[in-house]
């Protein structure tokens, strides 16, 4: 049975969500932001319903934290809020949310959206299966000053659609680089963009890259 995590500081809302969903899903709920992060890490729910206005930590911060960690980044998050507005919706999507529901929740729409999301979730996971593998790569990019730069990196894990590696160079989200398999003769693989930063301590940052379009001559094909 698919597992859904409901995060809302309002107990009555959590009860309504549980009653609405428990026939088809295993429902976990919490009104505490710290516990929500713990449950996301430990239980790996198939989908998260997240209230935007939480005490101590906002839904924005929780959404960003869950989406930025490699072990939880593929969990679909749907934000629930008592506010409307295209800017708010766009901001939630930029932080990693898959969708946005205004309160009071339309439960028919919610259940339809959940079913649709979970139907496509299984193939997505298989397509993005990660393998711990060290691969030597050369990354070439263009700096803000317009000058080209390059760096040799070693991956920590790879998938058919991207890789995780530490870099000395400070990169920002959506930075695009040319990727080469490094060796006596460098082999061009394709272009990749930064989709997340894994850590922020020390001079070496870990970045998650996703290929732009199809990669050629990649390890996992």
C-alpha atoms as a PDB file:
ATOM      1  CA  UNK A   1       0.000   0.000   0.000  1.00  0.00           C
ATOM      2  CA  UNK A   2       1.534   3.384  -0.966  1.00  0.00           C
ATOM      3  CA  UNK A   3       2.604   5.523   1.971  1.00  0.00           C
ATOM      4  CA  UNK A   4       1.617   9.192   2.271  1.00  0.00           C
ATOM      5  CA  UNK A   5       2.994  11.677   4.796  1.00  0.00           C
ATOM      6  CA  UNK A   6       0.657  14.525   5.809  1.00  0.00           C
ATOM      7  CA  UNK A   7       2.417  17.516   7.397  1.00  0.00           C
ATOM      8  CA  UNK A   8       0.102  20.125   8.926  1.00  0.00           C
ATOM      9  CA  UNK A   9       0.120  21.803  12.319  1.00  0.00           C
ATOM     10  CA  UNK A  10      -3.700  21.787  12.409  1.00  0.00           C
ATOM     11  CA  UNK A  11      -4.892  18.525  14.001  1.00  0.00           C
ATOM     12  CA  UNK A  12      -8.387  18.697  12.465  1.00  0.00           C
ATOM     13  CA  UNK A  13      -6.936  19.036   8.972  1.00  0.00           C
ATOM     14  CA  UNK A  14      -4.710  16.011   9.582  1.00  0.00           C
ATOM     15  CA  UNK A  15      -7.721  13.974  10.724  1.00  0.00           C
ATOM     16  CA  UNK A  16      -9.711  14.940   7.636  1.00  0.00           C
ATOM     17  CA  UNK A  17      -6.803  14.013   5.370  1.00  0.00           C
ATOM     18  CA  UNK A  18      -6.343  10.675   7.124  1.00  0.00           C
ATOM     19  CA  UNK A  19     -10.037   9.768   6.898  1.00  0.00           C
ATOM     20  CA  UNK A  20     -10.104  10.739   3.224  1.00  0.00           C
ATOM     21  CA  UNK A  21      -7.018   8.739   2.258  1.00  0.00           C
ATOM     22  CA  UNK A  22      -6.715   5.772   4.632  1.00  0.00           C
ATOM     23  CA  UNK A  23      -8.808   3.352   2.538  1.00  0.00           C
ATOM     24  CA  UNK A  24      -6.274   3.439  -0.289  1.00  0.00           C
ATOM     25  CA  UNK A  25      -3.048   4.514   1.402  1.00  0.00           C
ATOM     26  CA  UNK A  26      -0.987   4.086   4.534  1.00  0.00           C
ATOM     27  CA  UNK A  27      -1.173   7.568   6.052  1.00  0.00           C
ATOM     28  CA  UNK A  28       1.394   9.022   8.441  1.00  0.00           C
ATOM     29  CA  UNK A  29       0.871  12.498   9.854  1.00  0.00           C
ATOM     30  CA  UNK A  30       2.662  15.055  11.968  1.00  0.00           C
ATOM     31  CA  UNK A  31       2.267  18.675  12.968  1.00  0.00           C
ATOM     32  CA  UNK A  32       5.960  19.105  13.710  1.00  0.00           C
ATOM     33  CA  UNK A  33       8.444  20.253  11.070  1.00  0.00           C
ATOM     34  CA  UNK A  34      11.447  18.477  12.610  1.00  0.00           C
ATOM     35  CA  UNK A  35       9.513  15.221  12.837  1.00  0.00           C
ATOM     36  CA  UNK A  36       8.395  15.657   9.220  1.00  0.00           C
ATOM     37  CA  UNK A  37      12.016  15.726   8.066  1.00  0.00           C
ATOM     38  CA  UNK A  38      12.798  12.698  10.237  1.00  0.00           C
ATOM     39  CA  UNK A  39       9.862  10.717   8.828  1.00  0.00           C
ATOM     40  CA  UNK A  40      10.787  11.670   5.260  1.00  0.00           C
ATOM     41  CA  UNK A  41      14.342  10.399   5.810  1.00  0.00           C
ATOM     42  CA  UNK A  42      13.483   7.244   7.744  1.00  0.00           C
ATOM     43  CA  UNK A  43      10.211   6.100   6.158  1.00  0.00           C
ATOM     44  CA  UNK A  44      10.653   7.311   2.547  1.00  0.00           C
ATOM     45  CA  UNK A  45       6.954   8.040   1.893  1.00  0.00           C
ATOM     46  CA  UNK A  46       5.711   7.736  -1.679  1.00  0.00           C
ATOM     47  CA  UNK A  47       4.181  11.218  -1.531  1.00  0.00           C
ATOM     48  CA  UNK A  48       4.095  14.180   0.883  1.00  0.00           C
ATOM     49  CA  UNK A  49       1.229  16.615   1.491  1.00  0.00           C
ATOM     50  CA  UNK A  50       2.743  19.703   3.097  1.00  0.00           C
ATOM     51  CA  UNK A  51       1.072  22.675   4.776  1.00  0.00           C
ATOM     52  CA  UNK A  52       2.746  25.941   3.846  1.00  0.00           C
ATOM     53  CA  UNK A  53       2.315  27.711   7.181  1.00  0.00           C
ATOM     54  CA  UNK A  54       4.106  25.739   9.886  1.00  0.00           C
ATOM     55  CA  UNK A  55       5.532  26.959  13.212  1.00  0.00           C
ATOM     56  CA  UNK A  56       9.330  27.226  13.594  1.00  0.00           C
ATOM     57  CA  UNK A  57       9.997  26.119   9.993  1.00  0.00           C
ATOM     58  CA  UNK A  58       7.867  27.219   7.053  1.00  0.00           C
ATOM     59  CA  UNK A  59       6.612  24.811   4.440  1.00  0.00           C
ATOM     60  CA  UNK A  60       9.006  26.540   2.037  1.00  0.00           C
ATOM     61  CA  UNK A  61      11.983  25.479   4.158  1.00  0.00           C
ATOM     62  CA  UNK A  62      10.731  21.909   4.617  1.00  0.00           C
ATOM     63  CA  UNK A  63      10.052  21.532   0.888  1.00  0.00           C
ATOM     64  CA  UNK A  64      13.505  22.841  -0.007  1.00  0.00           C
ATOM     65  CA  UNK A  65      15.222  20.595   2.558  1.00  0.00           C
ATOM     66  CA  UNK A  66      13.474  17.428   1.372  1.00  0.00           C
ATOM     67  CA  UNK A  67      14.041  18.233  -2.297  1.00  0.00           C
ATOM     68  CA  UNK A  68      17.747  19.049  -1.823  1.00  0.00           C
ATOM     69  CA  UNK A  69      18.710  15.703  -0.231  1.00  0.00           C
ATOM     70  CA  UNK A  70      19.561  12.951  -2.695  1.00  0.00           C
ATOM     71  CA  UNK A  71      17.789  10.274  -0.634  1.00  0.00           C
ATOM     72  CA  UNK A  72      14.467  12.177  -0.618  1.00  0.00           C
ATOM     73  CA  UNK A  73      14.687  14.403  -3.700  1.00  0.00           C
ATOM     74  CA  UNK A  74      12.428  12.141  -5.807  1.00  0.00           C
ATOM     75  CA  UNK A  75       9.557  12.121  -3.300  1.00  0.00           C
ATOM     76  CA  UNK A  76       6.722  14.176  -4.862  1.00  0.00           C
ATOM     77  CA  UNK A  77       5.597  17.032  -2.604  1.00  0.00           C
ATOM     78  CA  UNK A  78       2.236  18.762  -2.902  1.00  0.00           C
ATOM     79  CA  UNK A  79       1.813  21.997  -0.981  1.00  0.00           C
ATOM     80  CA  UNK A  80      -1.442  22.886   0.791  1.00  0.00           C
ATOM     81  CA  UNK A  81      -2.108  26.540   1.596  1.00  0.00           C
ATOM     82  CA  UNK A  82      -4.900  28.952   2.401  1.00  0.00           C
ATOM     83  CA  UNK A  83      -3.479  31.459  -0.062  1.00  0.00           C
ATOM     84  CA  UNK A  84      -3.756  31.758  -3.810  1.00  0.00           C
ATOM     85  CA  UNK A  85      -1.570  33.505  -6.318  1.00  0.00           C
ATOM     86  CA  UNK A  86       0.605  32.568  -9.270  1.00  0.00           C
ATOM     87  CA  UNK A  87       3.797  33.911  -7.662  1.00  0.00           C
ATOM     88  CA  UNK A  88       3.328  31.709  -4.620  1.00  0.00           C
ATOM     89  CA  UNK A  89       2.658  28.696  -6.803  1.00  0.00           C
ATOM     90  CA  UNK A  90       5.751  29.363  -8.916  1.00  0.00           C
ATOM     91  CA  UNK A  91       7.898  29.757  -5.817  1.00  0.00           C
ATOM     92  CA  UNK A  92       6.726  26.402  -4.457  1.00  0.00           C
ATOM     93  CA  UNK A  93       7.493  24.702  -7.772  1.00  0.00           C
ATOM     94  CA  UNK A  94      10.950  26.295  -7.842  1.00  0.00           C
ATOM     95  CA  UNK A  95      11.629  24.775  -4.414  1.00  0.00           C
ATOM     96  CA  UNK A  96      10.708  21.317  -5.674  1.00  0.00           C
ATOM     97  CA  UNK A  97       6.937  20.956  -5.150  1.00  0.00           C
ATOM     98  CA  UNK A  98       4.991  19.045  -7.808  1.00  0.00           C
ATOM     99  CA  UNK A  99       1.739  20.876  -7.210  1.00  0.00           C
ATOM    100  CA  UNK A 100      -0.315  23.246  -5.085  1.00  0.00           C
ATOM    101  CA  UNK A 101      -3.723  22.890  -3.419  1.00  0.00           C
ATOM    102  CA  UNK A 102      -5.693  25.770  -1.940  1.00  0.00           C
ATOM    103  CA  UNK A 103      -7.581  25.238   1.306  1.00  0.00           C
ATOM    104  CA  UNK A 104     -10.279  24.133   1.822  1.00  0.00           C
ATOM    105  CA  UNK A 105      -9.036  21.048  -0.002  1.00  0.00           C
ATOM    106  CA  UNK A 106     -11.100  19.575  -2.825  1.00  0.00           C
ATOM    107  CA  UNK A 107     -10.667  15.916  -1.830  1.00  0.00           C
ATOM    108  CA  UNK A 108     -11.881  14.534  -5.164  1.00  0.00           C
ATOM    109  CA  UNK A 109      -9.239  16.575  -6.960  1.00  0.00           C
ATOM    110  CA  UNK A 110      -6.648  15.599  -4.353  1.00  0.00           C
ATOM    111  CA  UNK A 111      -7.286  11.877  -4.724  1.00  0.00           C
ATOM    112  CA  UNK A 112      -7.248  12.110  -8.519  1.00  0.00           C
ATOM    113  CA  UNK A 113      -3.920  13.967  -8.419  1.00  0.00           C
ATOM    114  CA  UNK A 114      -2.380  11.460  -5.993  1.00  0.00           C
ATOM    115  CA  UNK A 115      -3.432   8.480  -8.114  1.00  0.00           C
ATOM    116  CA  UNK A 116      -2.038  10.110 -11.247  1.00  0.00           C
ATOM    117  CA  UNK A 117       1.259  10.987  -9.537  1.00  0.00           C
ATOM    118  CA  UNK A 118       1.792   7.543  -8.005  1.00  0.00           C
ATOM    119  CA  UNK A 119       1.049   5.773 -11.297  1.00  0.00           C
ATOM    120  CA  UNK A 120       4.056   7.455 -12.903  1.00  0.00           C
ATOM    121  CA  UNK A 121       6.292   7.323  -9.836  1.00  0.00           C
ATOM    122  CA  UNK A 122       7.412   3.706 -10.203  1.00  0.00           C
ATOM    123  CA  UNK A 123       8.904   4.074 -13.716  1.00  0.00           C
ATOM    124  CA  UNK A 124      10.582   7.331 -12.654  1.00  0.00           C
ATOM    125  CA  UNK A 125      12.394   5.592  -9.799  1.00  0.00           C
ATOM    126  CA  UNK A 126      13.670   2.800 -12.026  1.00  0.00           C
ATOM    127  CA  UNK A 127      14.819   5.267 -14.667  1.00  0.00           C
ATOM    128  CA  UNK A 128      16.807   7.208 -12.092  1.00  0.00           C
ATOM    129  CA  UNK A 129      18.338   4.293 -10.183  1.00  0.00           C
ATOM    130  CA  UNK A 130      21.672   5.423  -8.769  1.00  0.00           C
ATOM    131  CA  UNK A 131      24.819   3.337  -8.655  1.00  0.00           C
ATOM    132  CA  UNK A 132      27.765   4.116  -6.395  1.00  0.00           C
ATOM    133  CA  UNK A 133      30.566   4.399  -8.931  1.00  0.00           C
ATOM    134  CA  UNK A 134      33.655   6.547  -9.293  1.00  0.00           C
ATOM    135  CA  UNK A 135      33.988   7.855 -12.831  1.00  0.00           C
ATOM    136  CA  UNK A 136      36.598  10.408 -13.860  1.00  0.00           C
ATOM    137  CA  UNK A 137      34.985  13.317 -15.712  1.00  0.00           C
ATOM    138  CA  UNK A 138      36.088  16.604 -17.192  1.00  0.00           C
ATOM    139  CA  UNK A 139      33.609  19.451 -16.803  1.00  0.00           C
ATOM    140  CA  UNK A 140      33.896  22.560 -18.969  1.00  0.00           C
ATOM    141  CA  UNK A 141      31.750  25.611 -18.334  1.00  0.00           C
ATOM    142  CA  UNK A 142      31.497  29.326 -18.865  1.00  0.00           C
ATOM    143  CA  UNK A 143      32.019  31.650 -15.895  1.00  0.00           C
ATOM    144  CA  UNK A 144      30.095  34.810 -15.079  1.00  0.00           C
ATOM    145  CA  UNK A 145      33.039  36.784 -16.496  1.00  0.00           C
ATOM    146  CA  UNK A 146      32.591  35.081 -19.855  1.00  0.00           C
ATOM    147  CA  UNK A 147      35.777  33.036 -19.549  1.00  0.00           C
ATOM    148  CA  UNK A 148      35.830  29.286 -20.009  1.00  0.00           C
ATOM    149  CA  UNK A 149      36.836  27.034 -17.110  1.00  0.00           C
ATOM    150  CA  UNK A 150      37.404  23.311 -16.737  1.00  0.00           C
ATOM    151  CA  UNK A 151      37.769  20.914 -13.846  1.00  0.00           C
ATOM    152  CA  UNK A 152      38.505  17.205 -13.451  1.00  0.00           C
ATOM    153  CA  UNK A 153      36.083  15.560 -11.018  1.00  0.00           C
ATOM    154  CA  UNK A 154      35.320  12.068  -9.734  1.00  0.00           C
ATOM    155  CA  UNK A 155      31.701  11.011  -9.342  1.00  0.00           C
ATOM    156  CA  UNK A 156      30.318   9.537  -6.124  1.00  0.00           C
ATOM    157  CA  UNK A 157      27.297   7.978  -7.787  1.00  0.00           C
ATOM    158  CA  UNK A 158      25.796   7.936 -11.250  1.00  0.00           C
ATOM    159  CA  UNK A 159      22.468   7.212 -12.907  1.00  0.00           C
ATOM    160  CA  UNK A 160      21.255   6.973 -16.488  1.00  0.00           C
ATOM    161  CA  UNK A 161      20.239  10.627 -16.296  1.00  0.00           C
ATOM    162  CA  UNK A 162      23.033  12.254 -14.301  1.00  0.00           C
ATOM    163  CA  UNK A 163      25.650  12.080 -11.574  1.00  0.00           C
ATOM    164  CA  UNK A 164      26.781  13.414  -8.200  1.00  0.00           C
ATOM    165  CA  UNK A 165      30.302  14.756  -7.735  1.00  0.00           C
ATOM    166  CA  UNK A 166      32.313  17.199  -5.628  1.00  0.00           C
ATOM    167  CA  UNK A 167      33.647  20.339  -7.309  1.00  0.00           C
ATOM    168  CA  UNK A 168      36.133  22.958  -6.244  1.00  0.00           C
ATOM    169  CA  UNK A 169      34.362  25.585  -8.311  1.00  0.00           C
ATOM    170  CA  UNK A 170      31.317  27.259  -6.743  1.00  0.00           C
ATOM    171  CA  UNK A 171      28.360  26.524  -9.023  1.00  0.00           C
ATOM    172  CA  UNK A 172      24.786  27.744  -8.907  1.00  0.00           C
ATOM    173  CA  UNK A 173      21.589  25.878  -9.681  1.00  0.00           C
ATOM    174  CA  UNK A 174      20.946  25.563 -13.427  1.00  0.00           C
ATOM    175  CA  UNK A 175      24.649  26.065 -14.290  1.00  0.00           C
ATOM    176  CA  UNK A 176      25.231  24.108 -17.504  1.00  0.00           C
ATOM    177  CA  UNK A 177      28.497  22.320 -18.323  1.00  0.00           C
ATOM    178  CA  UNK A 178      29.936  20.157 -21.084  1.00  0.00           C
ATOM    179  CA  UNK A 179      30.711  16.676 -19.760  1.00  0.00           C
ATOM    180  CA  UNK A 180      33.556  14.465 -20.961  1.00  0.00           C
ATOM    181  CA  UNK A 181      34.734  11.025 -19.890  1.00  0.00           C
ATOM    182  CA  UNK A 182      38.303  11.924 -18.909  1.00  0.00           C
ATOM    183  CA  UNK A 183      41.161   9.767 -20.143  1.00  0.00           C
ATOM    184  CA  UNK A 184      44.055   9.732 -22.551  1.00  0.00           C
ATOM    185  CA  UNK A 185      41.434  10.897 -25.047  1.00  0.00           C
ATOM    186  CA  UNK A 186      38.476  12.793 -23.595  1.00  0.00           C
ATOM    187  CA  UNK A 187      35.096  11.516 -24.838  1.00  0.00           C
ATOM    188  CA  UNK A 188      32.246  14.011 -25.038  1.00  0.00           C
ATOM    189  CA  UNK A 189      29.112  12.721 -23.275  1.00  0.00           C
ATOM    190  CA  UNK A 190      26.771  15.699 -23.465  1.00  0.00           C
ATOM    191  CA  UNK A 191      25.630  18.713 -21.509  1.00  0.00           C
ATOM    192  CA  UNK A 192      24.441  18.611 -17.909  1.00  0.00           C
ATOM    193  CA  UNK A 193      23.027  21.201 -15.532  1.00  0.00           C
ATOM    194  CA  UNK A 194      23.223  21.556 -11.771  1.00  0.00           C
ATOM    195  CA  UNK A 195      19.915  20.544 -10.183  1.00  0.00           C
ATOM    196  CA  UNK A 196      20.916  20.575  -6.502  1.00  0.00           C
ATOM    197  CA  UNK A 197      23.739  21.211  -4.059  1.00  0.00           C
ATOM    198  CA  UNK A 198      24.359  18.264  -1.743  1.00  0.00           C
ATOM    199  CA  UNK A 199      26.456  19.966   0.948  1.00  0.00           C
ATOM    200  CA  UNK A 200      27.781  23.421   1.800  1.00  0.00           C
ATOM    201  CA  UNK A 201      30.695  22.821   4.167  1.00  0.00           C
ATOM    202  CA  UNK A 202      34.343  23.280   3.214  1.00  0.00           C
ATOM    203  CA  UNK A 203      35.847  24.283  -0.084  1.00  0.00           C
ATOM    204  CA  UNK A 204      34.570  21.181  -1.905  1.00  0.00           C
ATOM    205  CA  UNK A 205      30.857  21.261  -2.663  1.00  0.00           C
ATOM    206  CA  UNK A 206      28.880  18.271  -3.899  1.00  0.00           C
ATOM    207  CA  UNK A 207      26.588  18.944  -6.843  1.00  0.00           C
ATOM    208  CA  UNK A 208      23.905  16.851  -8.469  1.00  0.00           C
ATOM    209  CA  UNK A 209      23.945  17.114 -12.278  1.00  0.00           C
ATOM    210  CA  UNK A 210      21.238  16.072 -14.717  1.00  0.00           C
ATOM    211  CA  UNK A 211      21.901  15.598 -18.409  1.00  0.00           C
ATOM    212  CA  UNK A 212      20.225  18.005 -20.798  1.00  0.00           C
ATOM    213  CA  UNK A 213      18.781  15.774 -23.480  1.00  0.00           C
ATOM    214  CA  UNK A 214      20.159  12.343 -24.273  1.00  0.00           C
ATOM    215  CA  UNK A 215      23.704  11.527 -23.164  1.00  0.00           C
ATOM    216  CA  UNK A 216      25.897   9.551 -25.533  1.00  0.00           C
ATOM    217  CA  UNK A 217      28.692   7.113 -24.633  1.00  0.00           C
ATOM    218  CA  UNK A 218      27.557   7.348 -20.999  1.00  0.00           C
ATOM    219  CA  UNK A 219      28.353   4.527 -18.537  1.00  0.00           C
ATOM    220  CA  UNK A 220      24.713   3.627 -17.892  1.00  0.00           C
ATOM    221  CA  UNK A 221      22.891   3.291 -21.185  1.00  0.00           C
END
